[in-house]
Amino acid sequence: MTDYTSDILVIAAHPDDAELGCGGTIIDFISKGYSVSIVDCSEGELGSRGTIEQRYAEAQNADIVLGIKQRFNLQYPDGSLQYHQQLGKDIASYIRLIKPKILLFPPAFERHPDHEAVHNMCRTAYFLSGLKQVELYHNDKALEPYRPSRIFSYIQAYHQEPDFIIDISNSFHKKMEAIHCYSSQVYVENKHNTDEPETYISTPAFMQSQIARAQYFGSMIGTEYGEGFLTIDAFGLSSMSILL
């Protein structure tokens, strides 16, 4: 019997979103012995650059760099995720299947409508996954109710002041290596295809902005690089002594 369980589950709208939004944190988790899984909701087929086949190959290469346990793609239509209410139930099924302690997903306010849609679907999925009366299945096998202990949003295109920041100084360069696996989408020196249209993320300026953001978040906590996250519910500690 396959063991699908992971400590952390990252939900993303498109391949490369997880790496861009929280790749450093994924690598940090894995370096500490935790397991991470990713679920992409679409294949990114509406992207102006590259092909679906390239996107899958790039995601597989990024998986190796990250060191994640497994990655799934739900193959919902790119660009219209907000119109597919079944997506919420499918995400809930993967929550029950993988049983993560922490669930990470896109923010509520975003440049790409798919990112906002996945945020809303994840909020729905988080609620449904814990309800006994909601029947969910994987490969025709009923899944037991389960709800993660913590849910957070990573930050994507729009700047948002984070509720907390993770130090990714030790994992930042590996994060960039994972992002560079998506050479059909982002600018990678000596691999840039000038025959395809330039996009928001295909320019050198975009890659510089990713470095600058990580440095900015790092500067807020006195480290070289950081990744910011947003809380959904109040984030409490059992004791302030944990911070000592």
C-alpha atoms as a PDB file:
ATOM      1  CA  MET A   1       0.000   0.000   0.000  1.00  0.00           C
ATOM      2  CA  THR A   2       1.384   3.402  -0.992  1.00  0.00           C
ATOM      3  CA  ASP A   3       2.066   5.819   1.855  1.00  0.00           C
ATOM      4  CA  TYR A   4       0.999   9.258   0.632  1.00  0.00           C
ATOM      5  CA  THR A   5       1.314  11.056   3.970  1.00  0.00           C
ATOM      6  CA  SER A   6       3.505  14.153   4.277  1.00  0.00           C
ATOM      7  CA  ASP A   7       4.148  16.687   7.004  1.00  0.00           C
ATOM      8  CA  ILE A   8       3.513  19.647   4.698  1.00  0.00           C
ATOM      9  CA  LEU A   9       1.228  20.004   1.683  1.00  0.00           C
ATOM     10  CA  VAL A  10       1.647  22.912  -0.734  1.00  0.00           C
ATOM     11  CA  ILE A  11      -1.237  23.737  -3.069  1.00  0.00           C
ATOM     12  CA  ALA A  12      -0.452  25.814  -6.173  1.00  0.00           C
ATOM     13  CA  ALA A  13      -2.423  27.022  -9.170  1.00  0.00           C
ATOM     14  CA  HIS A  14       0.331  26.308 -11.703  1.00  0.00           C
ATOM     15  CA  PRO A  15       3.661  24.485 -11.924  1.00  0.00           C
ATOM     16  CA  ASP A  16       6.390  26.867 -10.619  1.00  0.00           C
ATOM     17  CA  ASP A  17       4.068  28.726  -8.187  1.00  0.00           C
ATOM     18  CA  ALA A  18       5.164  26.626  -5.209  1.00  0.00           C
ATOM     19  CA  GLU A  19       8.847  27.146  -5.989  1.00  0.00           C
ATOM     20  CA  LEU A  20       8.430  30.903  -6.403  1.00  0.00           C
ATOM     21  CA  GLY A  21       6.173  31.366  -3.384  1.00  0.00           C
ATOM     22  CA  CYS A  22       7.709  29.094  -0.782  1.00  0.00           C
ATOM     23  CA  GLY A  23      10.552  27.111  -2.350  1.00  0.00           C
ATOM     24  CA  GLY A  24      13.034  28.137   0.319  1.00  0.00           C
ATOM     25  CA  THR A  25      10.714  27.028   3.106  1.00  0.00           C
ATOM     26  CA  ILE A  26      10.067  23.708   1.343  1.00  0.00           C
ATOM     27  CA  ILE A  27      13.805  23.060   1.172  1.00  0.00           C
ATOM     28  CA  ASP A  28      14.244  24.119   4.801  1.00  0.00           C
ATOM     29  CA  PHE A  29      11.524  21.696   5.939  1.00  0.00           C
ATOM     30  CA  ILE A  30      13.112  18.826   4.024  1.00  0.00           C
ATOM     31  CA  SER A  31      16.602  19.628   5.357  1.00  0.00           C
ATOM     32  CA  LYS A  32      15.183  19.170   8.859  1.00  0.00           C
ATOM     33  CA  GLY A  33      13.751  15.741   8.051  1.00  0.00           C
ATOM     34  CA  TYR A  34      10.148  16.674   7.232  1.00  0.00           C
ATOM     35  CA  SER A  35       8.341  15.473   4.115  1.00  0.00           C
ATOM     36  CA  VAL A  36       6.653  17.802   1.619  1.00  0.00           C
ATOM     37  CA  SER A  37       4.126  17.166  -1.158  1.00  0.00           C
ATOM     38  CA  ILE A  38       2.866  19.557  -3.848  1.00  0.00           C
ATOM     39  CA  VAL A  39      -0.484  19.607  -5.653  1.00  0.00           C
ATOM     40  CA  ASP A  40      -0.690  21.791  -8.775  1.00  0.00           C
ATOM     41  CA  CYS A  41      -4.255  22.571  -9.858  1.00  0.00           C
ATOM     42  CA  SER A  42      -3.581  23.131 -13.563  1.00  0.00           C
ATOM     43  CA  GLU A  43      -0.951  22.386 -16.185  1.00  0.00           C
ATOM     44  CA  GLY A  44      -0.406  26.059 -17.015  1.00  0.00           C
ATOM     45  CA  GLU A  45      -1.458  25.433 -20.597  1.00  0.00           C
ATOM     46  CA  LEU A  46      -2.499  29.047 -21.235  1.00  0.00           C
ATOM     47  CA  GLY A  47       1.011  30.293 -20.607  1.00  0.00           C
ATOM     48  CA  SER A  48       2.482  32.290 -23.490  1.00  0.00           C
ATOM     49  CA  ARG A  49       5.759  30.378 -23.347  1.00  0.00           C
ATOM     50  CA  GLY A  50       6.611  26.690 -23.434  1.00  0.00           C
ATOM     51  CA  THR A  51       4.389  23.618 -23.760  1.00  0.00           C
ATOM     52  CA  ILE A  52       2.557  21.348 -21.340  1.00  0.00           C
ATOM     53  CA  GLU A  53       5.202  18.686 -21.946  1.00  0.00           C
ATOM     54  CA  GLN A  54       7.955  21.148 -21.064  1.00  0.00           C
ATOM     55  CA  ARG A  55       6.130  22.230 -17.921  1.00  0.00           C
ATOM     56  CA  TYR A  56       5.869  18.632 -16.688  1.00  0.00           C
ATOM     57  CA  ALA A  57       9.545  17.961 -17.411  1.00  0.00           C
ATOM     58  CA  GLU A  58      10.551  21.189 -15.682  1.00  0.00           C
ATOM     59  CA  ALA A  59       8.418  20.342 -12.642  1.00  0.00           C
ATOM     60  CA  GLN A  60      10.066  16.923 -12.399  1.00  0.00           C
ATOM     61  CA  ASN A  61      13.508  18.533 -12.454  1.00  0.00           C
ATOM     62  CA  ALA A  62      12.438  21.043  -9.811  1.00  0.00           C
ATOM     63  CA  ASP A  63      11.101  18.203  -7.646  1.00  0.00           C
ATOM     64  CA  ILE A  64      14.567  16.646  -7.617  1.00  0.00           C
ATOM     65  CA  VAL A  65      16.182  19.927  -6.582  1.00  0.00           C
ATOM     66  CA  LEU A  66      13.607  20.513  -3.849  1.00  0.00           C
ATOM     67  CA  GLY A  67      13.683  16.914  -2.639  1.00  0.00           C
ATOM     68  CA  ILE A  68       9.904  16.628  -2.240  1.00  0.00           C
ATOM     69  CA  LYS A  69       8.116  13.316  -1.674  1.00  0.00           C
ATOM     70  CA  GLN A  70       5.555  13.569  -4.463  1.00  0.00           C
ATOM     71  CA  ARG A  71       3.757  15.943  -6.790  1.00  0.00           C
ATOM     72  CA  PHE A  72       0.290  15.732  -8.309  1.00  0.00           C
ATOM     73  CA  ASN A  73      -1.456  17.749 -11.018  1.00  0.00           C
ATOM     74  CA  LEU A  74      -5.263  18.013 -10.924  1.00  0.00           C
ATOM     75  CA  GLN A  75      -5.393  19.137 -14.588  1.00  0.00           C
ATOM     76  CA  TYR A  76      -8.139  21.725 -14.183  1.00  0.00           C
ATOM     77  CA  PRO A  77      -8.381  24.307 -17.017  1.00  0.00           C
ATOM     78  CA  ASP A  78      -5.773  27.034 -16.668  1.00  0.00           C
ATOM     79  CA  GLY A  79      -7.231  30.528 -16.378  1.00  0.00           C
ATOM     80  CA  SER A  80     -10.686  29.540 -15.176  1.00  0.00           C
ATOM     81  CA  LEU A  81     -10.204  27.762 -11.863  1.00  0.00           C
ATOM     82  CA  GLN A  82     -12.795  29.980 -10.183  1.00  0.00           C
ATOM     83  CA  TYR A  83     -15.540  28.326 -12.257  1.00  0.00           C
ATOM     84  CA  HIS A  84     -14.857  24.776 -11.065  1.00  0.00           C
ATOM     85  CA  GLN A  85     -16.374  24.188  -7.641  1.00  0.00           C
ATOM     86  CA  GLN A  86     -15.377  20.509  -7.753  1.00  0.00           C
ATOM     87  CA  LEU A  87     -11.789  21.690  -7.326  1.00  0.00           C
ATOM     88  CA  GLY A  88     -12.479  22.392  -3.652  1.00  0.00           C
ATOM     89  CA  LYS A  89     -13.565  18.795  -3.081  1.00  0.00           C
ATOM     90  CA  ASP A  90     -10.592  17.445  -5.014  1.00  0.00           C
ATOM     91  CA  ILE A  91      -8.186  19.468  -2.882  1.00  0.00           C
ATOM     92  CA  ALA A  92     -10.026  18.218   0.209  1.00  0.00           C
ATOM     93  CA  SER A  93      -9.465  14.652  -1.011  1.00  0.00           C
ATOM     94  CA  TYR A  94      -5.720  15.255  -1.207  1.00  0.00           C
ATOM     95  CA  ILE A  95      -5.732  16.799   2.252  1.00  0.00           C
ATOM     96  CA  ARG A  96      -7.306  13.602   3.584  1.00  0.00           C
ATOM     97  CA  LEU A  97      -4.970  11.418   1.525  1.00  0.00           C
ATOM     98  CA  ILE A  98      -1.747  13.206   2.484  1.00  0.00           C
ATOM     99  CA  LYS A  99      -2.735  14.231   6.028  1.00  0.00           C
ATOM    100  CA  PRO A 100      -0.403  17.243   6.308  1.00  0.00           C
ATOM    101  CA  LYS A 101       0.161  19.000   9.600  1.00  0.00           C
ATOM    102  CA  ILE A 102       0.638  22.277   7.702  1.00  0.00           C
ATOM    103  CA  LEU A 103      -1.193  23.392   4.548  1.00  0.00           C
ATOM    104  CA  LEU A 104       0.313  26.191   2.416  1.00  0.00           C
ATOM    105  CA  PHE A 105      -1.560  27.881  -0.436  1.00  0.00           C
ATOM    106  CA  PRO A 106      -1.809  31.180  -2.407  1.00  0.00           C
ATOM    107  CA  PRO A 107      -2.933  34.494  -0.881  1.00  0.00           C
ATOM    108  CA  ALA A 108      -6.455  35.907  -1.160  1.00  0.00           C
ATOM    109  CA  PHE A 109      -5.435  39.044  -3.087  1.00  0.00           C
ATOM    110  CA  GLU A 110      -3.395  38.329  -6.193  1.00  0.00           C
ATOM    111  CA  ARG A 111      -2.523  39.440  -9.723  1.00  0.00           C
ATOM    112  CA  HIS A 112      -3.592  36.145 -11.322  1.00  0.00           C
ATOM    113  CA  PRO A 113      -7.268  35.169 -10.851  1.00  0.00           C
ATOM    114  CA  ASP A 114      -6.284  31.493 -10.619  1.00  0.00           C
ATOM    115  CA  HIS A 115      -4.204  32.249  -7.521  1.00  0.00           C
ATOM    116  CA  GLU A 116      -7.159  33.907  -5.821  1.00  0.00           C
ATOM    117  CA  ALA A 117      -9.406  31.028  -6.901  1.00  0.00           C
ATOM    118  CA  VAL A 118      -7.071  28.448  -5.388  1.00  0.00           C
ATOM    119  CA  HIS A 119      -6.959  30.422  -2.137  1.00  0.00           C
ATOM    120  CA  ASN A 120     -10.744  30.277  -1.916  1.00  0.00           C
ATOM    121  CA  MET A 121     -10.871  26.617  -2.924  1.00  0.00           C
ATOM    122  CA  CYS A 122      -8.268  25.742  -0.289  1.00  0.00           C
ATOM    123  CA  ARG A 123     -10.300  27.520   2.383  1.00  0.00           C
ATOM    124  CA  THR A 124     -13.302  25.454   1.284  1.00  0.00           C
ATOM    125  CA  ALA A 125     -11.226  22.264   1.138  1.00  0.00           C
ATOM    126  CA  TYR A 126      -9.800  22.845   4.607  1.00  0.00           C
ATOM    127  CA  PHE A 127     -13.336  23.031   5.989  1.00  0.00           C
ATOM    128  CA  LEU A 128     -14.748  20.094   4.007  1.00  0.00           C
ATOM    129  CA  SER A 129     -11.819  17.770   4.713  1.00  0.00           C
ATOM    130  CA  GLY A 130     -12.716  17.605   8.393  1.00  0.00           C
ATOM    131  CA  LEU A 131     -16.438  16.937   8.007  1.00  0.00           C
ATOM    132  CA  LYS A 132     -17.554  13.374   8.695  1.00  0.00           C
ATOM    133  CA  GLN A 133     -20.644  13.697   6.509  1.00  0.00           C
ATOM    134  CA  VAL A 134     -18.613  14.697   3.434  1.00  0.00           C
ATOM    135  CA  GLU A 135     -17.636  11.573   1.506  1.00  0.00           C
ATOM    136  CA  LEU A 136     -14.372  11.825  -0.415  1.00  0.00           C
ATOM    137  CA  TYR A 137     -12.455   9.142  -2.280  1.00  0.00           C
ATOM    138  CA  HIS A 138      -9.075   8.329  -3.810  1.00  0.00           C
ATOM    139  CA  ASN A 139      -8.999   5.498  -6.364  1.00  0.00           C
ATOM    140  CA  ASP A 140     -12.486   4.481  -5.193  1.00  0.00           C
ATOM    141  CA  LYS A 141     -11.301   4.150  -1.591  1.00  0.00           C
ATOM    142  CA  ALA A 142     -13.125   6.213   1.038  1.00  0.00           C
ATOM    143  CA  LEU A 143     -10.935   8.721   2.882  1.00  0.00           C
ATOM    144  CA  GLU A 144     -11.287   9.396   6.597  1.00  0.00           C
ATOM    145  CA  PRO A 145     -11.996  12.979   7.742  1.00  0.00           C
ATOM    146  CA  TYR A 146      -8.839  14.951   8.465  1.00  0.00           C
ATOM    147  CA  ARG A 147      -7.970  18.610   8.935  1.00  0.00           C
ATOM    148  CA  PRO A 148      -4.444  20.131   9.103  1.00  0.00           C
ATOM    149  CA  SER A 149      -3.336  21.794  12.327  1.00  0.00           C
ATOM    150  CA  ARG A 150      -2.136  24.970  10.597  1.00  0.00           C
ATOM    151  CA  ILE A 151      -2.907  26.797   7.353  1.00  0.00           C
ATOM    152  CA  PHE A 152      -0.900  29.690   5.901  1.00  0.00           C
ATOM    153  CA  SER A 153      -0.653  31.594   2.624  1.00  0.00           C
ATOM    154  CA  TYR A 154       2.627  32.212   0.855  1.00  0.00           C
ATOM    155  CA  ILE A 155       3.115  35.550  -0.923  1.00  0.00           C
ATOM    156  CA  GLN A 156       3.100  35.763  -4.725  1.00  0.00           C
ATOM    157  CA  ALA A 157       3.022  38.637  -7.236  1.00  0.00           C
ATOM    158  CA  TYR A 158       1.500  41.439  -5.173  1.00  0.00           C
ATOM    159  CA  HIS A 159       3.564  42.786  -2.322  1.00  0.00           C
ATOM    160  CA  GLN A 160       2.023  42.125   1.069  1.00  0.00           C
ATOM    161  CA  GLU A 161       3.550  42.740   4.463  1.00  0.00           C
ATOM    162  CA  PRO A 162       4.024  39.273   5.970  1.00  0.00           C
ATOM    163  CA  ASP A 163       2.594  38.163   9.286  1.00  0.00           C
ATOM    164  CA  PHE A 164       5.742  36.126   9.861  1.00  0.00           C
ATOM    165  CA  ILE A 165       8.966  35.437   7.985  1.00  0.00           C
ATOM    166  CA  ILE A 166      11.027  32.263   7.617  1.00  0.00           C
ATOM    167  CA  ASP A 167      14.811  32.578   7.394  1.00  0.00           C
ATOM    168  CA  ILE A 168      15.787  30.920   4.093  1.00  0.00           C
ATOM    169  CA  SER A 169      19.403  32.071   4.021  1.00  0.00           C
ATOM    170  CA  ASN A 170      20.621  28.462   3.900  1.00  0.00           C
ATOM    171  CA  SER A 171      18.132  27.390   1.232  1.00  0.00           C
ATOM    172  CA  PHE A 172      17.806  30.467  -0.989  1.00  0.00           C
ATOM    173  CA  HIS A 173      20.344  29.478  -3.637  1.00  0.00           C
ATOM    174  CA  LYS A 174      18.792  26.024  -3.932  1.00  0.00           C
ATOM    175  CA  LYS A 175      15.376  27.689  -4.247  1.00  0.00           C
ATOM    176  CA  MET A 176      16.711  29.709  -7.171  1.00  0.00           C
ATOM    177  CA  GLU A 177      18.077  26.521  -8.712  1.00  0.00           C
ATOM    178  CA  ALA A 178      14.587  25.000  -8.510  1.00  0.00           C
ATOM    179  CA  ILE A 179      13.032  28.104 -10.087  1.00  0.00           C
ATOM    180  CA  HIS A 180      15.620  28.008 -12.870  1.00  0.00           C
ATOM    181  CA  CYS A 181      14.363  24.529 -13.775  1.00  0.00           C
ATOM    182  CA  TYR A 182      11.405  26.358 -15.349  1.00  0.00           C
ATOM    183  CA  SER A 183      13.516  27.848 -18.121  1.00  0.00           C
ATOM    184  CA  SER A 184      10.538  27.978 -20.494  1.00  0.00           C
ATOM    185  CA  GLN A 185       8.854  30.411 -18.096  1.00  0.00           C
ATOM    186  CA  VAL A 186      11.497  32.446 -16.254  1.00  0.00           C
ATOM    187  CA  TYR A 187      14.684  34.082 -17.459  1.00  0.00           C
ATOM    188  CA  VAL A 188      17.678  31.756 -17.277  1.00  0.00           C
ATOM    189  CA  GLU A 189      20.898  32.994 -18.837  1.00  0.00           C
ATOM    190  CA  ASN A 190      21.939  31.016 -21.943  1.00  0.00           C
ATOM    191  CA  LYS A 191      18.554  29.234 -22.006  1.00  0.00           C
ATOM    192  CA  HIS A 192      16.250  32.144 -22.812  1.00  0.00           C
ATOM    193  CA  ASN A 193      14.113  31.575 -25.929  1.00  0.00           C
ATOM    194  CA  THR A 194      13.795  34.958 -27.641  1.00  0.00           C
ATOM    195  CA  ASP A 195      11.433  33.510 -30.281  1.00  0.00           C
ATOM    196  CA  GLU A 196       8.592  33.371 -27.755  1.00  0.00           C
ATOM    197  CA  PRO A 197       6.672  36.341 -26.301  1.00  0.00           C
ATOM    198  CA  GLU A 198       8.047  38.088 -23.249  1.00  0.00           C
ATOM    199  CA  THR A 199       5.836  37.726 -20.191  1.00  0.00           C
ATOM    200  CA  TYR A 200       5.606  39.122 -16.679  1.00  0.00           C
ATOM    201  CA  ILE A 201       7.973  36.453 -15.323  1.00  0.00           C
ATOM    202  CA  SER A 202      10.269  35.853 -18.320  1.00  0.00           C
ATOM    203  CA  THR A 203      12.466  38.938 -17.914  1.00  0.00           C
ATOM    204  CA  PRO A 204      15.718  39.408 -15.973  1.00  0.00           C
ATOM    205  CA  ALA A 205      13.929  42.127 -13.992  1.00  0.00           C
ATOM    206  CA  PHE A 206      11.466  39.589 -12.588  1.00  0.00           C
ATOM    207  CA  MET A 207      14.254  37.343 -11.356  1.00  0.00           C
ATOM    208  CA  GLN A 208      15.954  40.354  -9.781  1.00  0.00           C
ATOM    209  CA  SER A 209      12.694  41.194  -8.035  1.00  0.00           C
ATOM    210  CA  GLN A 210      12.609  37.717  -6.493  1.00  0.00           C
ATOM    211  CA  ILE A 211      16.088  38.221  -5.093  1.00  0.00           C
ATOM    212  CA  ALA A 212      15.226  41.715  -3.860  1.00  0.00           C
ATOM    213  CA  ARG A 213      12.053  40.515  -2.126  1.00  0.00           C
ATOM    214  CA  ALA A 214      13.907  37.705  -0.366  1.00  0.00           C
ATOM    215  CA  GLN A 215      16.567  40.185   0.745  1.00  0.00           C
ATOM    216  CA  TYR A 216      13.903  42.617   1.962  1.00  0.00           C
ATOM    217  CA  PHE A 217      12.084  39.966   3.971  1.00  0.00           C
ATOM    218  CA  GLY A 218      15.422  38.783   5.319  1.00  0.00           C
ATOM    219  CA  SER A 219      16.351  42.313   6.366  1.00  0.00           C
ATOM    220  CA  MET A 220      13.160  42.511   8.416  1.00  0.00           C
ATOM    221  CA  ILE A 221      14.376  39.671  10.646  1.00  0.00           C
ATOM    222  CA  GLY A 222      18.108  40.314  10.487  1.00  0.00           C
ATOM    223  CA  THR A 223      19.008  37.556   8.022  1.00  0.00           C
ATOM    224  CA  GLU A 224      20.280  37.475   4.447  1.00  0.00           C
ATOM    225  CA  TYR A 225      17.127  36.042   2.846  1.00  0.00           C
ATOM    226  CA  GLY A 226      13.554  35.413   3.986  1.00  0.00           C
ATOM    227  CA  GLU A 227      10.156  34.184   2.808  1.00  0.00           C
ATOM    228  CA  GLY A 228       6.994  35.840   4.049  1.00  0.00           C
ATOM    229  CA  PHE A 229       3.731  34.164   5.002  1.00  0.00           C
ATOM    230  CA  LEU A 230       0.223  35.309   5.868  1.00  0.00           C
ATOM    231  CA  THR A 231      -1.870  33.857   8.662  1.00  0.00           C
ATOM    232  CA  ILE A 232      -5.488  32.870   8.150  1.00  0.00           C
ATOM    233  CA  ASP A 233      -6.410  32.286  11.786  1.00  0.00           C
ATOM    234  CA  ALA A 234      -4.777  33.720  14.900  1.00  0.00           C
ATOM    235  CA  PHE A 235      -1.319  32.218  15.317  1.00  0.00           C
ATOM    236  CA  GLY A 236      -0.654  31.423  18.970  1.00  0.00           C
ATOM    237  CA  LEU A 237       2.141  29.958  21.061  1.00  0.00           C
ATOM    238  CA  SER A 238       1.702  27.663  24.038  1.00  0.00           C
ATOM    239  CA  SER A 239       4.242  29.800  25.890  1.00  0.00           C
ATOM    240  CA  MET A 240       6.473  32.763  25.093  1.00  0.00           C
ATOM    241  CA  SER A 241       9.322  30.657  26.469  1.00  0.00           C
ATOM    242  CA  ILE A 242       9.384  28.902  23.071  1.00  0.00           C
ATOM    243  CA  LEU A 243      11.040  32.070  21.749  1.00  0.00           C
ATOM    244  CA  LEU A 244      13.908  31.904  24.243  1.00  0.00           C
END
